[in-house]
């Protein structure tokens, strides 16, 4: 299972961030590891132009099972 971490232009990407999210995804999806080929994690700040507000961080995970189309799930930060 190949895991890739993608960040929006307003989120600073660094090795510690990638290592953290890769570990979380590996642990969370370990039971499916032999059936998944790729997992893409997309992190973004949806309203970065506004410095306040609670509903601004988004994490979309795209998992590609073997021999099928990808499945996507978006999670938004809640207050």
Protein backbone atom coordinates (compact mmCIF):
# COMPACT_ATOMS: atom_id res chain seq x y z
CA UNK A 1 0.00 0.00 0.00
CA UNK A 2 1.54 3.26 -1.17
CA UNK A 3 0.60 6.32 0.93
CA UNK A 4 0.97 9.88 -0.35
CA UNK A 5 0.32 13.06 1.64
CA UNK A 6 -0.74 16.19 -0.26
CA UNK A 7 -1.16 19.62 1.31
CA UNK A 8 -2.94 22.74 0.11
CA UNK A 9 -0.95 25.86 -0.67
CA UNK A 10 -1.68 27.33 2.78
CA UNK A 11 -0.43 24.33 4.77
CA UNK A 12 3.31 24.00 5.26
CA UNK A 13 4.37 20.51 4.26
CA UNK A 14 7.31 18.99 6.12
CA UNK A 15 8.74 15.57 6.91
CA UNK A 16 7.21 15.37 10.41
CA UNK A 17 3.72 16.02 9.03
CA UNK A 18 4.12 13.35 6.34
CA UNK A 19 5.55 10.86 8.84
CA UNK A 20 2.69 11.46 11.29
CA UNK A 21 -0.11 11.06 8.75
CA UNK A 22 1.56 8.09 7.05
CA UNK A 23 1.74 6.32 10.42
CA UNK A 24 -1.90 7.08 11.23
CA UNK A 25 -3.07 5.82 7.84
CA UNK A 26 -0.92 2.68 8.00
CA UNK A 27 -2.24 1.81 11.45
CA UNK A 28 -5.86 2.63 10.65
CA UNK A 29 -5.96 0.74 7.36
CA UNK A 30 -3.60 -2.13 8.21
CA UNK A 31 -6.39 -4.71 7.99
CA UNK A 32 -6.99 -3.64 4.36
CA UNK A 33 -3.33 -3.25 3.39
CA UNK A 34 -3.22 -6.30 1.14
CA UNK A 35 -6.32 -5.10 -0.75
CA UNK A 36 -5.32 -1.44 -1.26
CA UNK A 37 -2.78 -0.25 -3.79
CA UNK A 38 -2.72 3.50 -3.07
CA UNK A 39 -3.99 5.88 -0.39
CA UNK A 40 -3.85 9.65 -0.99
CA UNK A 41 -4.40 12.05 1.91
CA UNK A 42 -5.29 15.63 0.93
CA UNK A 43 -5.04 18.28 3.67
CA UNK A 44 -6.38 21.77 3.05
CA UNK A 45 -7.42 24.96 4.80
CA UNK A 46 -10.71 25.85 3.13
CA UNK A 47 -11.00 29.41 4.37
CA UNK A 48 -7.39 30.39 4.91
CA UNK A 49 -8.17 33.98 4.00
CA UNK A 50 -10.19 34.20 7.25
CA UNK A 51 -8.13 33.74 10.38
CA UNK A 52 -11.08 32.89 12.59
CA UNK A 53 -13.66 30.17 12.38
CA UNK A 54 -13.66 26.56 13.43
CA UNK A 55 -14.80 24.86 10.26
CA UNK A 56 -11.77 25.44 8.08
CA UNK A 57 -9.57 22.34 8.03
CA UNK A 58 -10.34 19.52 5.61
CA UNK A 59 -8.86 16.06 5.21
CA UNK A 60 -9.90 14.01 2.18
CA UNK A 61 -8.71 10.43 1.94
CA UNK A 62 -8.78 8.62 -1.37
CA UNK A 63 -8.24 4.85 -1.21
CA UNK A 64 -7.73 2.77 -4.31
CA UNK A 65 -8.66 -0.90 -3.88
CA UNK A 66 -6.96 -3.36 -6.22
CA UNK A 67 -8.54 -3.42 -9.69
CA UNK A 68 -11.30 -0.87 -8.92
CA UNK A 69 -11.99 2.87 -8.96
CA UNK A 70 -10.92 4.97 -5.98
CA UNK A 71 -13.21 5.62 -3.04
CA UNK A 72 -13.13 9.09 -1.41
CA UNK A 73 -14.05 10.27 2.07
CA UNK A 74 -13.85 13.87 3.25
CA UNK A 75 -13.62 14.81 6.92
CA UNK A 76 -14.03 18.36 8.15
CA UNK A 77 -12.88 19.73 11.49
CA UNK A 78 -15.82 20.38 13.79
CA UNK A 79 -15.84 22.76 16.79
